[in-house]
Amino acid sequence: MWLGDCFECINWKKVGIFAGGVLFGTAGLKILGSKDAKKVYVQATAAALRAKDCVLDTAATLQENAEDVLAAAKDENTKRAAEIVTDEELCADSESAEKSE
């Protein structure tokens, strides 16, 4: 009688789910370890490496362009600073000329 009560307390749905998971896991390991699966892994990894190379090339190009823009901006600021100094000198020279008259 005790043994019969024990089997009534078992949730057979959960036992079935557990057994199915074990079977699925075992079959999954066999599938994931097969030669065909390894070929897929190699192809996916090769594609990822190609994509990485492409991204690195694009990043290098962008960095070079940014450096060119920065250099041009610095040159522009240097030219403007020189123009401002020239304008200030002209104003100072004209003011001193006016005072000496």
Protein backbone atom coordinates (compact mmCIF):
# COMPACT_ATOMS: atom_id res chain seq x y z
CA MET A 1 0.00 0.00 0.00
CA TRP A 2 2.81 2.40 0.75
CA LEU A 3 4.37 1.84 -2.70
CA GLY A 4 1.07 2.64 -4.44
CA ASP A 5 0.75 5.90 -2.50
CA CYS A 6 4.24 6.88 -3.59
CA PHE A 7 3.43 6.50 -7.30
CA GLU A 8 0.30 8.59 -6.87
CA CYS A 9 2.34 11.47 -5.44
CA ILE A 10 4.68 11.64 -8.45
CA ASN A 11 3.93 14.36 -10.97
CA TRP A 12 4.30 12.31 -14.15
CA LYS A 13 4.14 15.38 -16.36
CA LYS A 14 7.33 16.74 -14.78
CA VAL A 15 9.02 13.33 -15.06
CA GLY A 16 8.11 13.19 -18.76
CA ILE A 17 9.45 16.70 -19.33
CA PHE A 18 12.70 15.78 -17.57
CA ALA A 19 13.10 12.57 -19.59
CA GLY A 20 12.37 14.45 -22.82
CA GLY A 21 14.99 17.05 -21.90
CA VAL A 22 17.58 14.37 -21.26
CA LEU A 23 16.84 12.72 -24.61
CA PHE A 24 16.84 16.05 -26.45
CA GLY A 25 20.11 17.05 -24.78
CA THR A 26 21.77 13.77 -25.67
CA ALA A 27 20.61 13.98 -29.29
CA GLY A 28 21.58 17.65 -29.38
CA LEU A 29 25.12 16.88 -28.27
CA LYS A 30 25.41 14.27 -31.00
CA ILE A 31 24.15 16.73 -33.61
CA LEU A 32 26.34 19.60 -32.39
CA GLY A 33 29.42 17.38 -32.42
CA SER A 34 28.87 16.02 -35.93
CA LYS A 35 31.14 16.74 -38.90
CA ASP A 36 28.41 18.70 -40.67
CA ALA A 37 27.92 20.93 -37.65
CA LYS A 38 31.66 21.56 -37.47
CA LYS A 39 31.61 22.65 -41.12
CA VAL A 40 28.87 25.14 -40.27
CA TYR A 41 30.92 26.44 -37.32
CA VAL A 42 33.97 26.89 -39.55
CA GLN A 43 31.97 28.75 -42.20
CA ALA A 44 30.31 31.01 -39.60
CA THR A 45 33.65 31.79 -37.96
CA ALA A 46 35.25 32.54 -41.33
CA ALA A 47 32.40 34.92 -42.18
CA ALA A 48 32.80 36.66 -38.83
CA LEU A 49 36.54 37.10 -39.44
CA ARG A 50 35.86 38.57 -42.90
CA ALA A 51 33.33 40.96 -41.39
CA LYS A 52 35.87 41.96 -38.71
CA ASP A 53 38.47 42.74 -41.38
CA CYS A 54 35.97 44.85 -43.29
CA VAL A 55 35.00 46.78 -40.16
CA LEU A 56 38.65 47.39 -39.26
CA ASP A 57 39.40 48.67 -42.79
CA THR A 58 36.42 51.02 -42.62
CA ALA A 59 37.47 52.25 -39.18
CA ALA A 60 41.01 52.94 -40.43
CA THR A 61 39.65 54.92 -43.37
CA LEU A 62 37.39 56.94 -41.09
CA GLN A 63 40.29 57.66 -38.74
CA GLU A 64 42.47 58.87 -41.62
CA ASN A 65 39.68 61.14 -42.85
CA ALA A 66 39.16 62.52 -39.35
CA GLU A 67 42.88 63.25 -39.03
CA ASP A 68 42.81 65.10 -42.38
CA VAL A 69 39.81 67.16 -41.25
CA LEU A 70 41.51 67.98 -37.96
CA ALA A 71 44.70 69.10 -39.72
CA ALA A 72 42.69 71.30 -42.12
CA ALA A 73 40.76 72.83 -39.21
CA LYS A 74 44.00 73.64 -37.37
CA ASP A 75 45.40 75.28 -40.51
CA GLU A 76 42.21 77.32 -40.88
CA ASN A 77 42.42 78.50 -37.27
CA THR A 78 46.08 79.46 -37.73
CA LYS A 79 45.18 81.52 -40.83
CA ARG A 80 42.34 83.26 -39.00
CA ALA A 81 44.56 84.01 -36.02
CA ALA A 82 47.14 85.57 -38.38
CA GLU A 83 44.43 87.70 -40.02
CA ILE A 84 43.22 88.93 -36.63
CA VAL A 85 46.75 89.92 -35.60
CA THR A 86 47.23 91.74 -38.92
CA ASP A 87 43.92 93.58 -38.46
CA GLU A 88 44.83 94.55 -34.90
CA GLU A 89 48.25 95.81 -36.02
CA LEU A 90 46.62 97.90 -38.76
CA CYS A 91 44.20 99.39 -36.25
CA ALA A 92 47.03 100.10 -33.79
CA ASP A 93 49.16 101.69 -36.53
CA SER A 94 46.30 103.91 -37.69
CA GLU A 95 45.55 104.97 -34.11
CA SER A 96 49.17 105.86 -33.46
CA ALA A 97 49.29 107.77 -36.72
CA GLU A 98 46.22 109.75 -35.70
CA LYS A 99 47.71 110.58 -32.29
CA SER A 100 50.99 111.77 -33.76
CA GLU A 101 49.20 114.20 -36.06
